[in-house]
């Protein structure tokens, strides 16, 4: 992503925060040069699966498209250890 696209995506994410899907605990952009990842942390896998069953396009994909990028996306498990 170009720096302009990263900036646009960050603005879109801030603007969309009030309407973020309820199961999203946090979302962030990980930026390393032109490599950018939009990461959303969900309450749990069930909540994510239920959300995905109700939408044609996930919100993060939609935002990236608005910023001018066609993302490749995947779901990964996150484990938290105390």
N, C-alpha and C. Protein backbone atom coordinates (compact mmCIF):
# COMPACT_ATOMS: atom_id res chain seq x y z
N UNK A 1 0.84 -1.18 0.00
CA UNK A 1 0.00 0.00 0.00
C UNK A 1 0.88 1.24 0.00
N UNK A 2 0.43 2.24 -0.68
CA UNK A 2 1.15 3.51 -0.65
C UNK A 2 0.87 4.22 0.67
N UNK A 3 1.68 5.20 1.00
CA UNK A 3 1.46 5.95 2.24
C UNK A 3 0.12 6.69 2.20
N UNK A 4 -0.30 7.12 1.01
CA UNK A 4 -1.60 7.78 0.88
C UNK A 4 -2.73 6.81 1.18
N UNK A 5 -2.59 5.57 0.70
CA UNK A 5 -3.62 4.56 0.97
C UNK A 5 -3.66 4.20 2.45
N UNK A 6 -2.50 4.12 3.08
CA UNK A 6 -2.46 3.83 4.51
C UNK A 6 -3.16 4.95 5.28
N UNK A 7 -2.87 6.18 4.91
CA UNK A 7 -3.51 7.31 5.58
C UNK A 7 -5.03 7.25 5.38
N UNK A 8 -5.47 7.01 4.16
CA UNK A 8 -6.91 6.94 3.86
C UNK A 8 -7.56 5.82 4.67
N UNK A 9 -6.91 4.67 4.74
CA UNK A 9 -7.46 3.54 5.48
C UNK A 9 -7.55 3.87 6.97
N UNK A 10 -6.54 4.53 7.51
CA UNK A 10 -6.59 4.90 8.93
C UNK A 10 -7.73 5.87 9.21
N UNK A 11 -7.97 6.81 8.29
CA UNK A 11 -9.09 7.74 8.44
C UNK A 11 -10.41 6.97 8.38
N UNK A 12 -10.53 6.08 7.42
CA UNK A 12 -11.75 5.28 7.29
C UNK A 12 -12.00 4.44 8.55
N UNK A 13 -10.94 3.87 9.10
CA UNK A 13 -11.10 3.06 10.30
C UNK A 13 -11.59 3.91 11.48
N UNK A 14 -11.03 5.11 11.62
CA UNK A 14 -11.49 6.00 12.70
C UNK A 14 -12.94 6.39 12.50
N UNK A 15 -13.30 6.74 11.26
CA UNK A 15 -14.67 7.15 10.98
C UNK A 15 -15.66 6.00 11.20
N UNK A 16 -15.24 4.78 10.91
CA UNK A 16 -16.13 3.62 11.00
C UNK A 16 -16.17 3.01 12.41
N UNK A 17 -15.33 3.48 13.29
CA UNK A 17 -15.26 2.87 14.62
C UNK A 17 -16.60 2.82 15.34
N UNK A 18 -17.43 3.87 15.31
CA UNK A 18 -18.71 3.79 16.01
C UNK A 18 -19.65 2.70 15.47
N UNK A 19 -19.45 2.29 14.25
CA UNK A 19 -20.31 1.26 13.66
C UNK A 19 -19.56 -0.05 13.45
N UNK A 20 -18.44 -0.22 14.13
CA UNK A 20 -17.66 -1.45 14.06
C UNK A 20 -18.54 -2.62 14.51
N UNK A 21 -18.40 -3.78 13.90
CA UNK A 21 -19.17 -4.94 14.35
C UNK A 21 -18.98 -5.16 15.85
N UNK A 22 -20.06 -5.49 16.52
CA UNK A 22 -20.07 -5.57 17.98
C UNK A 22 -19.04 -6.54 18.55
N UNK A 23 -18.71 -7.59 17.82
CA UNK A 23 -17.78 -8.58 18.34
C UNK A 23 -16.32 -8.22 18.25
N UNK A 24 -16.01 -7.08 17.60
CA UNK A 24 -14.61 -6.68 17.47
C UNK A 24 -14.15 -6.01 18.76
N UNK A 25 -13.14 -6.59 19.37
CA UNK A 25 -12.58 -6.06 20.62
C UNK A 25 -11.61 -4.93 20.32
N UNK A 26 -10.79 -5.10 19.27
CA UNK A 26 -9.82 -4.08 18.87
C UNK A 26 -9.45 -4.30 17.41
N UNK A 27 -9.02 -3.24 16.77
CA UNK A 27 -8.55 -3.32 15.38
C UNK A 27 -7.35 -2.39 15.25
N UNK A 28 -6.41 -2.80 14.39
CA UNK A 28 -5.19 -2.00 14.22
C UNK A 28 -4.63 -2.22 12.83
N UNK A 29 -3.83 -1.24 12.40
CA UNK A 29 -3.07 -1.38 11.17
C UNK A 29 -1.63 -1.68 11.54
N UNK A 30 -1.09 -2.74 11.00
CA UNK A 30 0.32 -3.07 11.17
C UNK A 30 1.01 -2.64 9.89
N UNK A 31 1.93 -1.69 9.98
CA UNK A 31 2.56 -1.11 8.79
C UNK A 31 4.06 -1.34 8.85
N UNK A 32 4.56 -1.96 7.81
CA UNK A 32 6.00 -2.17 7.65
C UNK A 32 6.32 -1.85 6.19
N UNK A 33 6.69 -0.60 5.95
CA UNK A 33 6.92 -0.16 4.58
C UNK A 33 5.62 -0.20 3.80
N UNK A 34 5.63 -0.88 2.66
CA UNK A 34 4.42 -1.00 1.84
C UNK A 34 3.56 -2.20 2.24
N UNK A 35 4.05 -3.00 3.18
CA UNK A 35 3.28 -4.14 3.68
C UNK A 35 2.39 -3.68 4.83
N UNK A 36 1.09 -3.84 4.64
CA UNK A 36 0.14 -3.37 5.63
C UNK A 36 -0.87 -4.48 5.93
N UNK A 37 -1.16 -4.66 7.19
CA UNK A 37 -2.18 -5.61 7.60
C UNK A 37 -3.19 -4.89 8.48
N UNK A 38 -4.45 -5.07 8.16
CA UNK A 38 -5.52 -4.62 9.03
C UNK A 38 -5.87 -5.84 9.87
N UNK A 39 -5.70 -5.73 11.17
CA UNK A 39 -5.94 -6.85 12.08
C UNK A 39 -7.11 -6.49 12.98
N UNK A 40 -8.09 -7.38 13.00
CA UNK A 40 -9.24 -7.22 13.89
C UNK A 40 -9.23 -8.37 14.88
N UNK A 41 -9.31 -8.05 16.15
CA UNK A 41 -9.38 -9.06 17.21
C UNK A 41 -10.84 -9.18 17.63
N UNK A 42 -11.36 -10.38 17.51
CA UNK A 42 -12.76 -10.65 17.82
C UNK A 42 -12.91 -11.25 19.20
N UNK A 43 -14.07 -11.04 19.80
CA UNK A 43 -14.40 -11.57 21.11
C UNK A 43 -14.15 -13.07 21.17
N UNK A 44 -14.59 -13.78 20.15
CA UNK A 44 -14.36 -15.22 20.06
C UNK A 44 -14.69 -15.68 18.64
N UNK A 45 -14.32 -16.89 18.33
CA UNK A 45 -14.51 -17.42 16.98
C UNK A 45 -15.98 -17.57 16.62
N UNK A 46 -16.81 -17.93 17.57
CA UNK A 46 -18.24 -18.08 17.30
C UNK A 46 -18.84 -16.75 16.86
N UNK A 47 -18.48 -15.68 17.54
CA UNK A 47 -18.99 -14.36 17.18
C UNK A 47 -18.54 -13.96 15.78
N UNK A 48 -17.29 -14.23 15.46
CA UNK A 48 -16.79 -13.95 14.12
C UNK A 48 -17.55 -14.76 13.08
N UNK A 49 -17.71 -16.05 13.31
CA UNK A 49 -18.42 -16.90 12.35
C UNK A 49 -19.87 -16.45 12.14
N UNK A 50 -20.53 -16.06 13.22
CA UNK A 50 -21.90 -15.55 13.11
C UNK A 50 -21.94 -14.27 12.29
N UNK A 51 -20.99 -13.39 12.50
CA UNK A 51 -20.91 -12.15 11.73
C UNK A 51 -20.69 -12.45 10.25
N UNK A 52 -19.72 -13.31 9.95
CA UNK A 52 -19.42 -13.64 8.55
C UNK A 52 -20.62 -14.26 7.83
N UNK A 53 -21.47 -14.95 8.56
CA UNK A 53 -22.66 -15.56 7.96
C UNK A 53 -23.71 -14.52 7.58
N UNK A 54 -23.56 -13.29 8.09
CA UNK A 54 -24.58 -12.27 7.84
C UNK A 54 -24.17 -11.21 6.82
N UNK A 55 -22.92 -11.25 6.36
CA UNK A 55 -22.43 -10.21 5.45
C UNK A 55 -21.89 -10.82 4.16
N UNK A 56 -21.98 -10.07 3.09
CA UNK A 56 -21.38 -10.49 1.83
C UNK A 56 -19.89 -10.21 1.82
N UNK A 57 -19.52 -9.07 2.41
CA UNK A 57 -18.12 -8.64 2.43
C UNK A 57 -17.78 -8.22 3.86
N UNK A 58 -16.75 -8.80 4.47
CA UNK A 58 -16.37 -8.37 5.82
C UNK A 58 -15.99 -6.89 5.85
N UNK A 59 -16.24 -6.26 6.96
CA UNK A 59 -16.03 -4.82 7.10
C UNK A 59 -14.60 -4.39 6.79
N UNK A 60 -13.61 -5.13 7.27
CA UNK A 60 -12.23 -4.77 7.01
C UNK A 60 -11.89 -4.81 5.53
N UNK A 61 -12.42 -5.80 4.83
CA UNK A 61 -12.21 -5.90 3.38
C UNK A 61 -12.86 -4.70 2.70
N UNK A 62 -14.04 -4.36 3.14
CA UNK A 62 -14.75 -3.21 2.58
C UNK A 62 -13.94 -1.92 2.76
N UNK A 63 -13.40 -1.71 3.95
CA UNK A 63 -12.61 -0.51 4.22
C UNK A 63 -11.35 -0.47 3.36
N UNK A 64 -10.69 -1.61 3.21
CA UNK A 64 -9.49 -1.64 2.39
C UNK A 64 -9.82 -1.33 0.94
N UNK A 65 -10.94 -1.83 0.47
CA UNK A 65 -11.36 -1.53 -0.90
C UNK A 65 -11.64 -0.04 -1.07
N UNK A 66 -12.28 0.58 -0.07
CA UNK A 66 -12.51 2.03 -0.12
C UNK A 66 -11.20 2.80 -0.18
N UNK A 67 -10.15 2.23 0.42
CA UNK A 67 -8.83 2.87 0.40
C UNK A 67 -8.08 2.59 -0.90
N UNK A 68 -8.68 1.76 -1.78
CA UNK A 68 -8.06 1.50 -3.08
C UNK A 68 -7.21 0.26 -3.15
N UNK A 69 -7.43 -0.68 -2.22
CA UNK A 69 -6.63 -1.90 -2.17
C UNK A 69 -7.55 -3.11 -2.18
N UNK A 70 -7.21 -4.12 -2.96
CA UNK A 70 -7.94 -5.38 -2.92
C UNK A 70 -7.14 -6.34 -2.03
N UNK A 71 -7.63 -6.57 -0.82
CA UNK A 71 -6.84 -7.35 0.14
C UNK A 71 -6.99 -8.86 -0.05
N UNK A 72 -5.95 -9.55 0.31
CA UNK A 72 -6.04 -10.98 0.55
C UNK A 72 -6.31 -11.09 2.05
N UNK A 73 -7.24 -11.92 2.45
CA UNK A 73 -7.53 -11.99 3.88
C UNK A 73 -7.61 -13.43 4.34
N UNK A 74 -7.35 -13.57 5.63
CA UNK A 74 -7.40 -14.89 6.23
C UNK A 74 -7.78 -14.77 7.69
N UNK A 75 -8.20 -15.87 8.24
CA UNK A 75 -8.55 -15.95 9.65
C UNK A 75 -7.51 -16.80 10.34
N UNK A 76 -6.97 -16.30 11.42
CA UNK A 76 -6.01 -17.07 12.21
C UNK A 76 -6.47 -17.07 13.67
N UNK A 77 -6.10 -18.12 14.37
CA UNK A 77 -6.42 -18.18 15.80
C UNK A 77 -5.38 -17.41 16.58
N UNK A 78 -5.83 -16.75 17.63
CA UNK A 78 -4.93 -16.05 18.53
C UNK A 78 -5.10 -16.70 19.89
N UNK A 79 -3.99 -17.08 20.49
CA UNK A 79 -4.02 -17.71 21.81
C UNK A 79 -3.43 -16.74 22.82
N UNK A 80 -4.11 -16.61 23.91
CA UNK A 80 -3.64 -15.74 24.98
C UNK A 80 -3.21 -16.62 26.15
N UNK A 81 -2.03 -16.37 26.63
CA UNK A 81 -1.52 -17.14 27.76
C UNK A 81 -1.23 -16.18 28.92
N UNK A 82 -1.61 -16.58 30.10
CA UNK A 82 -1.37 -15.73 31.28
C UNK A 82 0.03 -15.95 31.80
